[in-house]
Amino acid sequence: MKADVLSQVFDSLPSPMMIVRLDGGIERLNAAAASLLDLGLDAHLPNLLELCRSLDRGATNVLERCAGSAGWQPLSVELTRGGHAGLRVAMTGRGLVDAENRTLRVLLLADRSDNVHFEEHRRLIRLLNSELAEQQRLREQLDEALNRERQLHEELVHRMKNNLSMLSVIIRSRKAASRDPNVNQALSDIEGRIRSIALVHEMLDGTRGLEVVEASDLLGKLCATMRDSVAPPNVEVTWDLEPSRLHITDATPLCLLVNELVTNAMKHGFPQGGPGRVTIGLRRLCGALELRVTDDGAGMTSDAGQGTGSRIVEALAMQMDAELSRETGPGVHWRLLFKPADPDGGRRSVGDAA
């Protein structure tokens, strides 16, 4: 009965424990040791030296050293087979005398706490490696999606530029075929607006589809184009533009607005054909941008502000969340104050910027 009790205690101990011969043959092991070595309790037990190698330096025979000692001797091994291959196990061993055969055996006891911590460490490393691999896979998918989106955006900008150019050609051909001055004027106004939008997409196409353009370059090209194509010989067009990067949500309505203001100045400011000047200015002011379009012409009548051009200007200013003001006499002075959109297209009001 006593032997049976000892056997039950041996088998139920939570720490890996085994009895081995001096040649490494395993004679008995408990469930915890079988789990550590990936062995079945009833299976043929291999030699311990086939399952692990000693990490103790200077010890010619670790088992003999343990067998010849009455106290517990520290040792460490590295498992070389099974699912725990590579695991380093801290153990202690001591001699054990077989009372019946008077032969030496070695009782080996694994340091369970050290092994548990090491196993947890290995588990966390495996989990971390798995998560890193998943993150890398997701990052590659995201990069691929962003590249694809960029390519589609570039293609869209390029096609839009080409379509606007084609539309301008169609309008010019209709102007050439028409003899009605009112129709020709209306077509010229539409052509100017299309030209303003086309300039934005032309610059975007030059930056390979980015949604941000340089305001001074954009408005400079627009002013030069209007000077050469819209301004009569007696009117000088000048501009002074501070560099500032604009998102497309600002660039397009701003170009349309400048086109309307300059065109209206040409139409109504110099009816007698006398010399004059139209000036366009852009500067940074307290976190916002200030646009000024001024002329020294005849000014505006009280009902002139109710025309189509003025309504378009007001609608564009509202789209930009901008403050729009006008002063007359002498000439007309337009002032637009707006907070530029962020690179992602977001915007704050002018009041917030101040």
Protein backbone atom coordinates (compact mmCIF):
# COMPACT_ATOMS: atom_id res chain seq x y z
CA MET A 1 0.00 0.00 0.00
CA LYS A 2 2.83 2.33 0.89
CA ALA A 3 4.47 1.82 -2.50
CA ASP A 4 1.15 2.49 -4.24
CA VAL A 5 0.73 5.77 -2.36
CA LEU A 6 4.24 6.88 -3.26
CA SER A 7 3.60 5.97 -6.87
CA GLN A 8 0.40 8.06 -6.92
CA VAL A 9 2.22 11.00 -5.36
CA PHE A 10 5.02 10.72 -7.92
CA ASP A 11 2.59 10.65 -10.84
CA SER A 12 0.49 13.56 -9.59
CA LEU A 13 3.28 16.02 -8.81
CA PRO A 14 2.88 19.24 -10.87
CA SER A 15 6.62 19.55 -11.53
CA PRO A 16 8.21 17.35 -14.23
CA MET A 17 10.02 14.46 -12.51
CA MET A 18 11.74 11.33 -13.83
CA ILE A 19 14.02 8.50 -12.79
CA VAL A 20 16.82 7.65 -15.21
CA ARG A 21 19.72 5.24 -15.30
CA LEU A 22 23.28 6.45 -15.61
CA ASP A 23 23.24 5.63 -19.33
CA GLY A 24 20.28 7.99 -19.81
CA GLY A 25 17.59 5.39 -20.10
CA ILE A 26 14.29 6.66 -18.67
CA GLU A 27 12.77 4.19 -16.25
CA ARG A 28 9.85 6.25 -15.01
CA LEU A 29 8.38 9.74 -15.45
CA ASN A 30 5.28 11.52 -14.28
CA ALA A 31 2.59 13.20 -16.41
CA ALA A 32 4.22 16.64 -16.19
CA ALA A 33 7.53 15.25 -17.49
CA ALA A 34 5.77 13.30 -20.26
CA SER A 35 4.07 16.52 -21.37
CA LEU A 36 7.35 18.43 -21.33
CA LEU A 37 9.10 15.74 -23.42
CA ASP A 38 6.08 15.08 -25.68
CA LEU A 39 5.97 11.43 -24.58
CA GLY A 40 3.11 9.13 -23.71
CA LEU A 41 3.09 7.56 -20.27
CA ASP A 42 2.56 4.08 -21.70
CA ALA A 43 4.74 4.51 -24.76
CA HIS A 44 8.24 3.13 -25.19
CA LEU A 45 10.51 5.51 -23.33
CA PRO A 46 13.56 6.60 -25.31
CA ASN A 47 16.92 7.51 -23.89
CA LEU A 48 16.97 10.94 -22.24
CA LEU A 49 20.13 11.82 -24.13
CA GLU A 50 18.18 11.45 -27.39
CA LEU A 51 15.71 14.09 -26.26
CA CYS A 52 18.02 16.76 -24.89
CA ARG A 53 21.58 17.87 -24.58
CA SER A 54 23.40 19.13 -21.52
CA LEU A 55 24.24 22.84 -21.33
CA ASP A 56 26.55 22.51 -18.34
CA ARG A 57 30.12 23.29 -19.29
CA GLY A 58 32.96 21.31 -17.84
CA ALA A 59 30.79 18.36 -16.76
CA THR A 60 31.93 15.21 -18.51
CA ASN A 61 28.97 13.24 -17.29
CA VAL A 62 26.11 15.15 -15.72
CA LEU A 63 24.19 12.06 -14.68
CA GLU A 64 27.21 10.56 -12.95
CA ARG A 65 27.80 13.85 -11.14
CA CYS A 66 24.21 13.87 -9.87
CA ALA A 67 24.27 10.17 -8.95
CA GLY A 68 27.40 10.59 -6.90
CA SER A 69 25.99 13.39 -4.79
CA ALA A 70 23.76 13.13 -1.73
CA GLY A 71 22.46 16.66 -2.34
CA TRP A 72 20.61 18.24 -5.20
CA GLN A 73 22.86 19.25 -8.10
CA PRO A 74 21.79 22.00 -10.52
CA LEU A 75 21.91 21.31 -14.23
CA SER A 76 20.34 22.67 -17.39
CA VAL A 77 19.43 21.01 -20.64
CA GLU A 78 18.04 22.03 -24.00
CA LEU A 79 15.30 19.91 -25.54
CA THR A 80 16.16 18.82 -29.07
CA ARG A 81 13.00 16.96 -30.16
CA GLY A 82 9.25 17.38 -30.04
CA GLY A 83 7.10 20.49 -29.89
CA HIS A 84 9.31 22.04 -27.20
CA ALA A 85 12.52 21.77 -29.21
CA GLY A 86 14.82 24.63 -28.31
CA LEU A 87 13.37 25.05 -24.83
CA ARG A 88 15.98 25.36 -22.12
CA VAL A 89 15.02 23.61 -18.92
CA ALA A 90 16.59 24.24 -15.52
CA MET A 91 16.69 21.04 -13.47
CA THR A 92 18.10 19.58 -10.30
CA GLY A 93 19.26 15.98 -9.80
CA ARG A 94 20.49 13.68 -7.07
CA GLY A 95 21.43 10.08 -6.65
CA LEU A 96 18.82 7.47 -5.89
CA VAL A 97 19.70 3.95 -4.71
CA ASP A 98 17.57 1.04 -5.83
CA ALA A 99 17.26 -0.84 -2.55
CA GLU A 100 16.39 -4.12 -4.26
CA ASN A 101 19.19 -4.21 -6.83
CA ARG A 102 21.61 -1.89 -5.03
CA THR A 103 22.06 0.10 -8.25
CA LEU A 104 22.33 3.85 -8.68
CA ARG A 105 19.66 5.83 -10.36
CA VAL A 106 19.24 9.58 -10.83
CA LEU A 107 16.14 11.46 -9.75
CA LEU A 108 15.65 14.54 -11.97
CA LEU A 109 13.30 17.36 -11.05
CA ALA A 110 12.58 20.25 -13.41
CA ASP A 111 12.25 23.78 -12.09
CA ARG A 112 8.60 24.23 -12.97
CA SER A 113 8.43 27.96 -12.33
CA ASP A 114 11.38 28.66 -14.61
CA ASN A 115 9.93 26.50 -17.37
CA VAL A 116 6.50 28.09 -17.08
CA HIS A 117 7.98 31.55 -17.37
CA PHE A 118 10.08 30.49 -20.33
CA GLU A 119 7.11 28.88 -22.02
CA GLU A 120 5.06 32.03 -21.48
CA HIS A 121 7.91 34.05 -22.94
CA ARG A 122 8.04 31.80 -25.98
CA ARG A 123 4.28 31.96 -26.34
CA LEU A 124 4.32 35.74 -26.28
CA ILE A 125 7.12 35.81 -28.83
CA ARG A 126 5.19 33.51 -31.14
CA LEU A 127 2.09 35.67 -30.70
CA LEU A 128 4.09 38.83 -31.39
CA ASN A 129 5.64 37.34 -34.51
CA SER A 130 2.21 36.31 -35.71
CA GLU A 131 0.82 39.79 -35.11
CA LEU A 132 3.80 41.40 -36.86
CA ALA A 133 3.29 39.14 -39.86
CA GLU A 134 -0.40 40.06 -39.97
CA GLN A 135 0.39 43.76 -39.70
CA GLN A 136 2.91 43.45 -42.51
CA ARG A 137 0.32 41.72 -44.67
CA LEU A 138 -2.26 44.42 -43.93
CA ARG A 139 0.31 47.14 -44.60
CA GLU A 140 1.12 45.64 -47.99
CA GLN A 141 -2.58 45.46 -48.83
CA LEU A 142 -3.06 49.08 -47.75
CA ASP A 143 -0.08 50.24 -49.82
CA GLU A 144 -1.44 48.40 -52.82
CA ALA A 145 -4.88 49.96 -52.36
CA LEU A 146 -3.39 53.46 -51.94
CA ASN A 147 -1.26 53.05 -55.06
CA ARG A 148 -4.30 51.89 -57.00
CA GLU A 149 -6.36 54.81 -55.72
CA ARG A 150 -3.59 57.23 -56.66
CA GLN A 151 -3.40 55.81 -60.17
CA LEU A 152 -7.17 56.13 -60.60
CA HIS A 153 -7.05 59.69 -59.28
CA GLU A 154 -4.28 60.63 -61.69
CA GLU A 155 -6.20 59.12 -64.58
CA LEU A 156 -9.37 60.99 -63.54
CA VAL A 157 -7.53 64.33 -63.39
CA HIS A 158 -5.92 63.72 -66.77
CA ARG A 159 -9.22 62.81 -68.40
CA MET A 160 -10.94 65.81 -66.84
CA LYS A 161 -8.27 68.12 -68.25
CA ASN A 162 -8.66 66.61 -71.71
CA ASN A 163 -12.46 66.82 -71.55
CA LEU A 164 -12.35 70.48 -70.56
CA SER A 165 -9.95 71.22 -73.42
CA MET A 166 -12.30 69.48 -75.84
CA LEU A 167 -15.24 71.46 -74.47
CA SER A 168 -13.35 74.71 -75.00
CA VAL A 169 -12.70 73.75 -78.61
CA ILE A 170 -16.42 73.06 -79.14
CA ILE A 171 -17.38 76.45 -77.67
CA ARG A 172 -14.86 78.29 -79.84
CA SER A 173 -16.22 76.57 -82.93
CA ARG A 174 -19.75 77.63 -81.98
CA LYS A 175 -18.58 81.20 -81.49
CA ALA A 176 -17.01 81.20 -84.96
CA ALA A 177 -20.27 79.98 -86.48
CA SER A 178 -22.48 82.53 -84.68
CA ARG A 179 -23.11 86.10 -85.80
CA ASP A 180 -25.16 87.11 -82.77
CA PRO A 181 -23.03 89.29 -80.45
CA ASN A 182 -25.11 88.33 -77.40
CA VAL A 183 -24.59 84.63 -78.10
CA ASN A 184 -20.90 85.18 -78.66
CA GLN A 185 -20.59 87.06 -75.36
CA ALA A 186 -22.40 84.32 -73.48
CA LEU A 187 -20.17 81.70 -75.07
CA SER A 188 -17.07 83.75 -74.18
CA ASP A 189 -18.20 83.91 -70.55
CA ILE A 190 -18.66 80.15 -70.46
CA GLU A 191 -15.31 79.61 -72.13
CA GLY A 192 -13.61 81.76 -69.51
CA ARG A 193 -15.12 79.74 -66.69
CA ILE A 194 -14.11 76.47 -68.31
CA ARG A 195 -10.62 77.85 -68.79
CA SER A 196 -10.38 78.63 -65.08
CA ILE A 197 -11.34 75.08 -64.10
CA ALA A 198 -9.05 73.63 -66.77
CA LEU A 199 -6.07 75.52 -65.35
CA VAL A 200 -6.57 73.83 -61.96
CA HIS A 201 -6.67 70.36 -63.52
CA GLU A 202 -3.72 71.16 -65.76
CA MET A 203 -1.63 71.95 -62.67
CA LEU A 204 -2.93 68.88 -60.87
CA ASP A 205 -2.01 66.77 -63.87
CA GLY A 206 1.50 68.24 -63.72
CA THR A 207 1.81 67.15 -60.09
CA ARG A 208 0.72 63.57 -60.94
CA GLY A 209 -2.73 63.87 -59.44
CA LEU A 210 -1.99 65.53 -56.09
CA GLU A 211 -4.89 67.56 -54.73
CA VAL A 212 -2.78 70.57 -53.70
CA VAL A 213 -1.51 73.33 -56.02
CA GLU A 214 0.56 76.46 -55.59
CA ALA A 215 -1.83 79.45 -55.55
CA SER A 216 0.66 81.99 -56.90
CA ASP A 217 1.47 79.80 -59.92
CA LEU A 218 -2.17 78.97 -60.56
CA LEU A 219 -3.52 82.53 -60.32
CA GLY A 220 -0.48 83.86 -62.14
CA LYS A 221 -1.25 81.67 -65.15
CA LEU A 222 -4.90 82.67 -65.01
CA CYS A 223 -4.09 86.40 -64.86
CA ALA A 224 -1.62 86.09 -67.74
CA THR A 225 -4.18 84.22 -69.83
CA MET A 226 -6.90 86.81 -69.16
CA ARG A 227 -4.53 89.67 -69.89
CA ASP A 228 -3.72 88.16 -73.27
CA SER A 229 -7.22 86.99 -74.22
CA VAL A 230 -9.79 89.17 -72.44
CA ALA A 231 -8.26 92.54 -71.57
CA PRO A 232 -8.60 95.28 -74.20
CA PRO A 233 -5.42 97.09 -75.24
CA ASN A 234 -6.26 100.10 -73.07
CA VAL A 235 -6.51 98.10 -69.82
CA GLU A 236 -3.43 96.89 -67.97
CA VAL A 237 -3.68 93.74 -65.84
CA THR A 238 -1.19 93.35 -62.97
CA TRP A 239 -0.94 90.93 -60.08
CA ASP A 240 0.97 90.44 -56.85
CA LEU A 241 0.56 86.97 -55.38
CA GLU A 242 2.18 85.54 -52.26
CA PRO A 243 3.05 81.83 -52.41
CA SER A 244 0.46 79.63 -50.72
CA ARG A 245 -0.54 76.01 -51.23
CA LEU A 246 -4.25 75.45 -51.93
CA HIS A 247 -6.37 72.34 -51.84
CA ILE A 248 -8.52 71.73 -54.90
CA THR A 249 -11.62 72.55 -52.83
CA ASP A 250 -10.30 76.13 -52.68
CA ALA A 251 -8.34 76.34 -55.93
CA THR A 252 -11.27 75.71 -58.29
CA PRO A 253 -13.78 78.21 -56.82
CA LEU A 254 -11.00 80.79 -56.33
CA CYS A 255 -10.05 80.60 -60.01
CA LEU A 256 -13.69 80.92 -61.04
CA LEU A 257 -14.14 83.87 -58.71
CA VAL A 258 -11.08 85.73 -60.06
CA ASN A 259 -12.27 85.03 -63.59
CA GLU A 260 -15.70 86.54 -62.84
CA LEU A 261 -14.33 89.63 -61.08
CA VAL A 262 -11.76 90.42 -63.76
CA THR A 263 -14.24 89.75 -66.56
CA ASN A 264 -16.84 92.02 -64.94
CA ALA A 265 -14.24 94.76 -64.55
CA MET A 266 -13.40 94.51 -68.24
CA LYS A 267 -17.08 94.62 -69.23
CA HIS A 268 -18.37 97.40 -66.99
CA GLY A 269 -15.38 99.35 -65.68
CA PHE A 270 -14.16 100.92 -68.91
CA PRO A 271 -17.13 101.55 -71.18
CA GLN A 272 -15.56 104.60 -72.86
CA GLY A 273 -12.42 102.77 -73.88
CA GLY A 274 -10.14 104.92 -71.74
CA PRO A 275 -6.94 103.66 -70.10
CA GLY A 276 -7.26 101.73 -66.88
CA ARG A 277 -5.84 99.08 -64.67
CA VAL A 278 -7.05 95.88 -62.97
CA THR A 279 -4.97 94.56 -60.07
CA ILE A 280 -5.17 91.13 -58.45
CA GLY A 281 -3.50 90.56 -55.08
CA LEU A 282 -3.22 87.53 -52.77
CA ARG A 283 -1.60 87.61 -49.35
CA ARG A 284 -1.57 85.70 -46.09
CA LEU A 285 -3.33 87.47 -43.25
CA CYS A 286 -3.74 86.15 -39.67
CA GLY A 287 -3.94 82.50 -40.65
CA ALA A 288 -6.27 83.26 -43.57
CA LEU A 289 -5.82 84.29 -47.20
CA GLU A 290 -6.96 87.65 -48.54
CA LEU A 291 -7.77 88.11 -52.20
CA ARG A 292 -8.22 91.61 -53.62
CA VAL A 293 -9.39 92.46 -57.13
CA THR A 294 -9.49 96.19 -57.81
CA ASP A 295 -9.90 98.42 -60.82
CA ASP A 296 -9.82 102.18 -61.39
CA GLY A 297 -12.71 102.21 -63.78
CA ALA A 298 -16.16 103.81 -63.74
CA GLY A 299 -17.42 101.81 -60.75
CA MET A 300 -20.72 99.94 -60.41
CA THR A 301 -24.27 101.20 -60.46
CA SER A 302 -26.72 100.15 -57.74
CA ASP A 303 -28.36 97.51 -59.95
CA ALA A 304 -25.09 96.18 -61.38
CA GLY A 305 -24.61 93.97 -58.35
CA GLN A 306 -27.74 91.99 -59.25
CA GLY A 307 -26.28 90.56 -62.47
CA THR A 308 -25.34 86.97 -63.18
CA GLY A 309 -21.64 87.58 -62.58
CA SER A 310 -22.22 89.08 -59.12
CA ARG A 311 -24.50 86.21 -58.13
CA ILE A 312 -21.88 83.71 -59.24
CA VAL A 313 -19.24 85.52 -57.17
CA GLU A 314 -21.45 85.44 -54.07
CA ALA A 315 -22.20 81.75 -54.56
CA LEU A 316 -18.50 80.92 -54.90
CA ALA A 317 -17.66 82.90 -51.76
CA MET A 318 -20.36 81.00 -49.86
CA GLN A 319 -18.92 77.71 -51.12
CA MET A 320 -15.52 78.69 -49.67
CA ASP A 321 -16.99 79.85 -46.33
CA ALA A 322 -15.42 83.22 -47.13
CA GLU A 323 -16.18 86.80 -46.19
CA LEU A 324 -16.86 88.86 -49.32
CA SER A 325 -17.01 92.65 -49.37
CA ARG A 326 -17.13 95.34 -52.07
CA GLU A 327 -16.34 99.03 -52.12
CA THR A 328 -16.99 101.43 -54.98
CA GLY A 329 -15.76 104.86 -56.02
CA PRO A 330 -13.48 105.40 -57.61
CA GLY A 331 -13.44 102.05 -59.33
CA VAL A 332 -14.51 98.81 -57.66
CA HIS A 333 -12.60 97.06 -54.86
CA TRP A 334 -13.45 93.44 -54.08
CA ARG A 335 -12.06 91.71 -50.98
CA LEU A 336 -12.35 88.00 -50.21
CA LEU A 337 -11.10 86.63 -46.88
CA PHE A 338 -11.07 82.86 -46.33
CA LYS A 339 -9.39 80.19 -44.27
CA PRO A 340 -7.68 77.71 -46.64
CA ALA A 341 -8.79 74.12 -46.48
CA ASP A 342 -6.47 71.60 -44.88
CA PRO A 343 -4.59 69.20 -47.17
CA ASP A 344 -7.32 66.61 -46.51
CA GLY A 345 -10.02 69.06 -47.63
CA GLY A 346 -11.26 70.05 -44.16
CA ARG A 347 -11.91 73.68 -43.37
CA ARG A 348 -12.32 76.14 -40.51
CA SER A 349 -14.29 79.35 -40.74
CA VAL A 350 -12.59 82.74 -41.01
CA GLY A 351 -13.84 83.58 -37.53
CA ASP A 352 -12.12 80.48 -36.12
CA ALA A 353 -8.90 81.40 -37.89
CA ALA A 354 -8.91 84.89 -36.42
